[in-house]
Amino acid sequence: MIRPFRPYDLAGMYRVCLETGDSGRDATRLYRDPELLGHVYAGPYPVADPGLTWVAYDEHGLLGYVVATADTAAFEDWLEERWWPGLRTRYPRRAAADPGDGTQDWLRVAHLHDPPRTETDLLETHPAHLHIDILPRGQGKGLGRRLITTLTAALRERGVPGLHLGVGSGNPRAYAFYLAMGFDERQRAAWGSTMTMGLRKSI
């Protein structure tokens, strides 16, 4: 079942984010704080724009979601004003030092203190972006396609011209999925690929 986000979904979304946070694999072993990954990649989206978050459930509970923003530049401004300040207090900059034990909390802390800005030329044509995560038990059943199709329909209704996302180099299955969904690779880097999809209806 897919439905729009409700506030009580947030804990389940954080759990799914963590359990898919290592290029689609379970990242629980990589984080001392199990909420940190969700604070960066899941939590702010339904707060900033709950109308662009959908969740998927089965008989065992929440097993996937898609989150998005229609305007990445405005969203990044919102993060700076409303979301990051509280987290920076909770996770001081000194926690951004690598402890050398293989955990990755420090990377997420560094991100929230020095978040990257998306390049302007990408946003001119593809201002929306998304994150989608599905637990293994929900994969291979068309759920990801349904979540993204639901999102893109909503973005088209808003008149958004294009959508982008990032996929890590360690997740070739996701890369192939996005190609099958109609995304194109715009740029490749050491970390992975930026992929884009035009949303304007053809005449």
C-alpha atoms as a PDB file:
ATOM      1  CA  MET A   1       0.000   0.000   0.000  1.00  0.00           C
ATOM      2  CA  ILE A   2       1.264   3.468  -0.916  1.00  0.00           C
ATOM      3  CA  ARG A   3      -0.200   6.558   0.701  1.00  0.00           C
ATOM      4  CA  PRO A   4       0.758  10.157   1.519  1.00  0.00           C
ATOM      5  CA  PHE A   5       2.992  10.819   4.517  1.00  0.00           C
ATOM      6  CA  ARG A   6       1.521  11.169   7.989  1.00  0.00           C
ATOM      7  CA  PRO A   7       3.565  12.475  10.941  1.00  0.00           C
ATOM      8  CA  TYR A   8       3.657   9.122  12.705  1.00  0.00           C
ATOM      9  CA  ASP A   9       5.482   7.639   9.691  1.00  0.00           C
ATOM     10  CA  LEU A  10       8.673   9.504  10.524  1.00  0.00           C
ATOM     11  CA  ALA A  11      10.164   6.917  12.908  1.00  0.00           C
ATOM     12  CA  GLY A  12       9.672   4.173  10.331  1.00  0.00           C
ATOM     13  CA  MET A  13      11.230   6.340   7.626  1.00  0.00           C
ATOM     14  CA  TYR A  14      14.304   6.888   9.797  1.00  0.00           C
ATOM     15  CA  ARG A  15      14.601   3.133  10.296  1.00  0.00           C
ATOM     16  CA  VAL A  16      14.345   2.421   6.564  1.00  0.00           C
ATOM     17  CA  CYS A  17      16.851   5.191   5.821  1.00  0.00           C
ATOM     18  CA  LEU A  18      19.376   3.551   8.162  1.00  0.00           C
ATOM     19  CA  GLU A  19      18.708   0.005   6.954  1.00  0.00           C
ATOM     20  CA  THR A  20      19.324   1.030   3.322  1.00  0.00           C
ATOM     21  CA  GLY A  21      21.957   3.675   4.002  1.00  0.00           C
ATOM     22  CA  ASP A  22      25.043   1.818   2.771  1.00  0.00           C
ATOM     23  CA  SER A  23      24.422   2.007  -0.994  1.00  0.00           C
ATOM     24  CA  GLY A  24      21.153   0.135  -0.503  1.00  0.00           C
ATOM     25  CA  ARG A  25      22.510  -2.153   2.206  1.00  0.00           C
ATOM     26  CA  ASP A  26      22.001  -2.021   5.968  1.00  0.00           C
ATOM     27  CA  ALA A  27      24.135   0.762   7.471  1.00  0.00           C
ATOM     28  CA  THR A  28      23.293   0.055  11.109  1.00  0.00           C
ATOM     29  CA  ARG A  29      26.853  -1.067  11.859  1.00  0.00           C
ATOM     30  CA  LEU A  30      28.223   2.206  10.473  1.00  0.00           C
ATOM     31  CA  TYR A  31      26.415   4.564  12.854  1.00  0.00           C
ATOM     32  CA  ARG A  32      26.605   4.998  16.582  1.00  0.00           C
ATOM     33  CA  ASP A  33      23.606   7.331  16.404  1.00  0.00           C
ATOM     34  CA  PRO A  34      20.859   5.524  14.460  1.00  0.00           C
ATOM     35  CA  GLU A  35      18.978   8.781  13.757  1.00  0.00           C
ATOM     36  CA  LEU A  36      21.805  10.749  12.192  1.00  0.00           C
ATOM     37  CA  LEU A  37      21.424   9.458   8.640  1.00  0.00           C
ATOM     38  CA  GLY A  38      17.691  10.150   8.709  1.00  0.00           C
ATOM     39  CA  HIS A  39      18.237  13.685   9.976  1.00  0.00           C
ATOM     40  CA  VAL A  40      20.091  14.450   6.750  1.00  0.00           C
ATOM     41  CA  TYR A  41      18.333  12.404   4.069  1.00  0.00           C
ATOM     42  CA  ALA A  42      14.770  11.758   5.268  1.00  0.00           C
ATOM     43  CA  GLY A  43      13.514  13.924   8.106  1.00  0.00           C
ATOM     44  CA  PRO A  44      13.550  17.435   6.639  1.00  0.00           C
ATOM     45  CA  TYR A  45      11.528  16.653   3.516  1.00  0.00           C
ATOM     46  CA  PRO A  46       8.100  15.907   4.983  1.00  0.00           C
ATOM     47  CA  VAL A  47       8.550  18.820   7.391  1.00  0.00           C
ATOM     48  CA  ALA A  48       9.413  21.272   4.613  1.00  0.00           C
ATOM     49  CA  ASP A  49       6.843  19.911   2.163  1.00  0.00           C
ATOM     50  CA  PRO A  50       4.683  17.005   3.388  1.00  0.00           C
ATOM     51  CA  GLY A  51       2.845  17.037   0.063  1.00  0.00           C
ATOM     52  CA  LEU A  52       5.831  15.429  -1.689  1.00  0.00           C
ATOM     53  CA  THR A  53       6.414  12.463   0.593  1.00  0.00           C
ATOM     54  CA  TRP A  54       4.784   9.049   0.156  1.00  0.00           C
ATOM     55  CA  VAL A  55       5.275   5.909   2.189  1.00  0.00           C
ATOM     56  CA  ALA A  56       4.766   2.220   1.437  1.00  0.00           C
ATOM     57  CA  TYR A  57       3.497  -0.303   3.953  1.00  0.00           C
ATOM     58  CA  ASP A  58       2.994  -4.048   4.070  1.00  0.00           C
ATOM     59  CA  GLU A  59       1.708  -6.310   6.837  1.00  0.00           C
ATOM     60  CA  HIS A  60       5.009  -5.902   8.709  1.00  0.00           C
ATOM     61  CA  GLY A  61       5.042  -2.102   8.688  1.00  0.00           C
ATOM     62  CA  LEU A  62       6.676   0.702   6.745  1.00  0.00           C
ATOM     63  CA  LEU A  63       9.051  -0.711   4.148  1.00  0.00           C
ATOM     64  CA  GLY A  64       9.808   2.217   1.860  1.00  0.00           C
ATOM     65  CA  TYR A  65       9.296   5.852   0.990  1.00  0.00           C
ATOM     66  CA  VAL A  66      10.023   8.587  -1.473  1.00  0.00           C
ATOM     67  CA  VAL A  67      10.751  12.147  -0.339  1.00  0.00           C
ATOM     68  CA  ALA A  68      11.268  15.184  -2.535  1.00  0.00           C
ATOM     69  CA  THR A  69      11.301  18.920  -2.857  1.00  0.00           C
ATOM     70  CA  ALA A  70      10.022  20.788  -5.888  1.00  0.00           C
ATOM     71  CA  ASP A  71      12.512  23.639  -5.412  1.00  0.00           C
ATOM     72  CA  THR A  72      15.951  22.513  -4.284  1.00  0.00           C
ATOM     73  CA  ALA A  73      17.371  26.033  -3.928  1.00  0.00           C
ATOM     74  CA  ALA A  74      14.514  27.127  -1.659  1.00  0.00           C
ATOM     75  CA  PHE A  75      14.776  23.858   0.252  1.00  0.00           C
ATOM     76  CA  GLU A  76      18.489  24.388   0.881  1.00  0.00           C
ATOM     77  CA  ASP A  77      17.709  27.886   2.171  1.00  0.00           C
ATOM     78  CA  TRP A  78      15.047  26.406   4.456  1.00  0.00           C
ATOM     79  CA  LEU A  79      17.519  23.840   5.786  1.00  0.00           C
ATOM     80  CA  GLU A  80      19.966  26.592   6.656  1.00  0.00           C
ATOM     81  CA  GLU A  81      17.326  28.662   8.430  1.00  0.00           C
ATOM     82  CA  ARG A  82      15.147  26.026  10.070  1.00  0.00           C
ATOM     83  CA  TRP A  83      16.682  22.551  10.114  1.00  0.00           C
ATOM     84  CA  TRP A  84      20.456  22.668  10.491  1.00  0.00           C
ATOM     85  CA  PRO A  85      20.701  25.095  13.455  1.00  0.00           C
ATOM     86  CA  GLY A  86      19.131  22.701  15.965  1.00  0.00           C
ATOM     87  CA  LEU A  87      21.142  19.778  14.682  1.00  0.00           C
ATOM     88  CA  ARG A  88      24.368  21.781  14.848  1.00  0.00           C
ATOM     89  CA  THR A  89      23.695  22.335  18.530  1.00  0.00           C
ATOM     90  CA  ARG A  90      22.980  18.643  19.061  1.00  0.00           C
ATOM     91  CA  TYR A  91      25.983  17.544  16.992  1.00  0.00           C
ATOM     92  CA  PRO A  92      28.827  20.048  17.511  1.00  0.00           C
ATOM     93  CA  ARG A  93      31.469  20.496  14.854  1.00  0.00           C
ATOM     94  CA  ARG A  94      34.068  18.636  16.898  1.00  0.00           C
ATOM     95  CA  ALA A  95      32.054  15.451  16.183  1.00  0.00           C
ATOM     96  CA  ALA A  96      33.003  15.838  12.501  1.00  0.00           C
ATOM     97  CA  ALA A  97      36.454  14.393  13.169  1.00  0.00           C
ATOM     98  CA  ASP A  98      37.025  10.846  11.894  1.00  0.00           C
ATOM     99  CA  PRO A  99      37.394   8.550  14.956  1.00  0.00           C
ATOM    100  CA  GLY A 100      39.162   5.987  12.793  1.00  0.00           C
ATOM    101  CA  ASP A 101      36.890   3.110  13.791  1.00  0.00           C
ATOM    102  CA  GLY A 102      34.992   2.758  10.524  1.00  0.00           C
ATOM    103  CA  THR A 103      31.854   4.540  11.701  1.00  0.00           C
ATOM    104  CA  GLN A 104      30.413   7.305   9.530  1.00  0.00           C
ATOM    105  CA  ASP A 105      28.604   9.590  11.965  1.00  0.00           C
ATOM    106  CA  TRP A 106      31.370  12.136  11.467  1.00  0.00           C
ATOM    107  CA  LEU A 107      30.609  12.416   7.748  1.00  0.00           C
ATOM    108  CA  ARG A 108      26.968  13.272   8.378  1.00  0.00           C
ATOM    109  CA  VAL A 109      27.954  15.786  11.074  1.00  0.00           C
ATOM    110  CA  ALA A 110      30.349  17.415   8.612  1.00  0.00           C
ATOM    111  CA  HIS A 111      27.499  17.561   6.094  1.00  0.00           C
ATOM    112  CA  LEU A 112      25.102  19.362   8.404  1.00  0.00           C
ATOM    113  CA  HIS A 113      27.757  21.899   9.406  1.00  0.00           C
ATOM    114  CA  ASP A 114      28.974  22.493   5.842  1.00  0.00           C
ATOM    115  CA  PRO A 115      26.169  21.378   3.531  1.00  0.00           C
ATOM    116  CA  PRO A 116      26.926  21.492  -0.180  1.00  0.00           C
ATOM    117  CA  ARG A 117      24.849  23.685  -2.466  1.00  0.00           C
ATOM    118  CA  THR A 118      23.480  22.244  -5.669  1.00  0.00           C
ATOM    119  CA  GLU A 119      24.943  23.800  -8.808  1.00  0.00           C
ATOM    120  CA  THR A 120      22.808  26.558 -10.313  1.00  0.00           C
ATOM    121  CA  ASP A 121      22.849  25.334 -13.898  1.00  0.00           C
ATOM    122  CA  LEU A 122      21.357  21.998 -12.841  1.00  0.00           C
ATOM    123  CA  LEU A 123      18.592  23.715 -10.908  1.00  0.00           C
ATOM    124  CA  GLU A 124      17.658  25.922 -13.839  1.00  0.00           C
ATOM    125  CA  THR A 125      16.396  22.886 -15.737  1.00  0.00           C
ATOM    126  CA  HIS A 126      15.827  20.270 -12.989  1.00  0.00           C
ATOM    127  CA  PRO A 127      14.943  22.127  -9.773  1.00  0.00           C
ATOM    128  CA  ALA A 128      13.316  19.186  -7.955  1.00  0.00           C
ATOM    129  CA  HIS A 129      15.196  16.334  -6.312  1.00  0.00           C
ATOM    130  CA  LEU A 130      14.274  13.119  -4.541  1.00  0.00           C
ATOM    131  CA  HIS A 131      15.469  10.364  -2.246  1.00  0.00           C
ATOM    132  CA  ILE A 132      13.873   6.921  -2.352  1.00  0.00           C
ATOM    133  CA  ASP A 133      14.588   3.976  -0.059  1.00  0.00           C
ATOM    134  CA  ILE A 134      12.974   0.532   0.000  1.00  0.00           C
ATOM    135  CA  LEU A 135      13.837  -2.384   2.269  1.00  0.00           C
ATOM    136  CA  PRO A 136      14.903  -5.632   0.567  1.00  0.00           C
ATOM    137  CA  ARG A 137      11.545  -7.281   1.227  1.00  0.00           C
ATOM    138  CA  GLY A 138       9.865  -4.628  -0.902  1.00  0.00           C
ATOM    139  CA  GLN A 139      12.293  -4.649  -3.813  1.00  0.00           C
ATOM    140  CA  GLY A 140      11.655  -6.248  -7.170  1.00  0.00           C
ATOM    141  CA  LYS A 141       7.887  -5.862  -6.881  1.00  0.00           C
ATOM    142  CA  GLY A 142       7.357  -2.627  -8.786  1.00  0.00           C
ATOM    143  CA  LEU A 143       7.134  -0.569  -5.612  1.00  0.00           C
ATOM    144  CA  GLY A 144       9.943   1.808  -6.540  1.00  0.00           C
ATOM    145  CA  ARG A 145       8.358   2.459  -9.913  1.00  0.00           C
ATOM    146  CA  ARG A 146       5.012   3.215  -8.302  1.00  0.00           C
ATOM    147  CA  LEU A 147       6.555   5.586  -5.758  1.00  0.00           C
ATOM    148  CA  ILE A 148       8.476   7.534  -8.392  1.00  0.00           C
ATOM    149  CA  THR A 149       5.507   7.618 -10.770  1.00  0.00           C
ATOM    150  CA  THR A 150       3.344   9.000  -7.965  1.00  0.00           C
ATOM    151  CA  LEU A 151       5.942  11.671  -7.241  1.00  0.00           C
ATOM    152  CA  THR A 152       6.521  12.705 -10.840  1.00  0.00           C
ATOM    153  CA  ALA A 153       2.778  13.055 -11.406  1.00  0.00           C
ATOM    154  CA  ALA A 154       2.577  15.431  -8.443  1.00  0.00           C
ATOM    155  CA  LEU A 155       5.567  17.438  -9.658  1.00  0.00           C
ATOM    156  CA  ARG A 156       4.033  17.758 -13.133  1.00  0.00           C
ATOM    157  CA  GLU A 157       0.825  19.040 -11.561  1.00  0.00           C
ATOM    158  CA  ARG A 158       2.922  21.791  -9.962  1.00  0.00           C
ATOM    159  CA  GLY A 159       4.522  22.626 -13.292  1.00  0.00           C
ATOM    160  CA  VAL A 160       8.014  21.572 -12.215  1.00  0.00           C
ATOM    161  CA  PRO A 161      10.188  21.223 -15.354  1.00  0.00           C
ATOM    162  CA  GLY A 162      12.668  18.606 -14.172  1.00  0.00           C
ATOM    163  CA  LEU A 163      13.888  16.316 -11.426  1.00  0.00           C
ATOM    164  CA  HIS A 164      17.344  15.160 -10.362  1.00  0.00           C
ATOM    165  CA  LEU A 165      18.903  12.707  -7.937  1.00  0.00           C
ATOM    166  CA  GLY A 166      22.249  11.278  -6.946  1.00  0.00           C
ATOM    167  CA  VAL A 167      23.121   7.580  -7.004  1.00  0.00           C
ATOM    168  CA  GLY A 168      26.285   6.239  -5.433  1.00  0.00           C
ATOM    169  CA  SER A 169      28.849   4.332  -7.459  1.00  0.00           C
ATOM    170  CA  GLY A 170      28.429   1.405  -5.070  1.00  0.00           C
ATOM    171  CA  ASN A 171      24.804   0.889  -6.067  1.00  0.00           C
ATOM    172  CA  PRO A 172      24.736  -0.285  -9.711  1.00  0.00           C
ATOM    173  CA  ARG A 173      21.308  -1.873  -9.248  1.00  0.00           C
ATOM    174  CA  ALA A 174      19.809   1.511  -8.388  1.00  0.00           C
ATOM    175  CA  TYR A 175      21.622   3.108 -11.320  1.00  0.00           C
ATOM    176  CA  ALA A 176      20.064   0.585 -13.709  1.00  0.00           C
ATOM    177  CA  PHE A 177      16.645   1.143 -12.123  1.00  0.00           C
ATOM    178  CA  TYR A 178      16.807   4.888 -12.663  1.00  0.00           C
ATOM    179  CA  LEU A 179      17.810   4.429 -16.283  1.00  0.00           C
ATOM    180  CA  ALA A 180      14.820   2.121 -16.733  1.00  0.00           C
ATOM    181  CA  MET A 181      12.595   4.770 -15.143  1.00  0.00           C
ATOM    182  CA  GLY A 182      13.635   7.328 -17.749  1.00  0.00           C
ATOM    183  CA  PHE A 183      16.439   9.180 -15.981  1.00  0.00           C
ATOM    184  CA  ASP A 184      19.589  10.138 -17.885  1.00  0.00           C
ATOM    185  CA  GLU A 185      23.086  10.394 -16.463  1.00  0.00           C
ATOM    186  CA  ARG A 186      24.036  14.074 -16.472  1.00  0.00           C
ATOM    187  CA  GLN A 187      27.374  13.896 -14.695  1.00  0.00           C
ATOM    188  CA  ARG A 188      29.652  11.240 -13.237  1.00  0.00           C
ATOM    189  CA  ALA A 189      32.050  11.749 -10.346  1.00  0.00           C
ATOM    190  CA  ALA A 190      34.082   9.589  -7.975  1.00  0.00           C
ATOM    191  CA  TRP A 191      31.147   9.334  -5.544  1.00  0.00           C
ATOM    192  CA  GLY A 192      28.607   8.349  -8.218  1.00  0.00           C
ATOM    193  CA  SER A 193      26.268   9.908 -10.783  1.00  0.00           C
ATOM    194  CA  THR A 194      23.871  12.833 -10.994  1.00  0.00           C
ATOM    195  CA  MET A 195      20.817  11.738 -12.941  1.00  0.00           C
ATOM    196  CA  THR A 196      18.025  13.867 -14.404  1.00  0.00           C
ATOM    197  CA  MET A 197      14.518  13.498 -15.774  1.00  0.00           C
ATOM    198  CA  GLY A 198      12.561  16.110 -17.713  1.00  0.00           C
ATOM    199  CA  LEU A 199       8.973  16.492 -16.562  1.00  0.00           C
ATOM    200  CA  ARG A 200       7.450  18.725 -19.181  1.00  0.00           C
ATOM    201  CA  LYS A 201       4.657  17.004 -21.064  1.00  0.00           C
ATOM    202  CA  SER A 202       5.360  16.544 -24.734  1.00  0.00           C
ATOM    203  CA  ILE A 203       2.907  18.196 -27.098  1.00  0.00           C
END
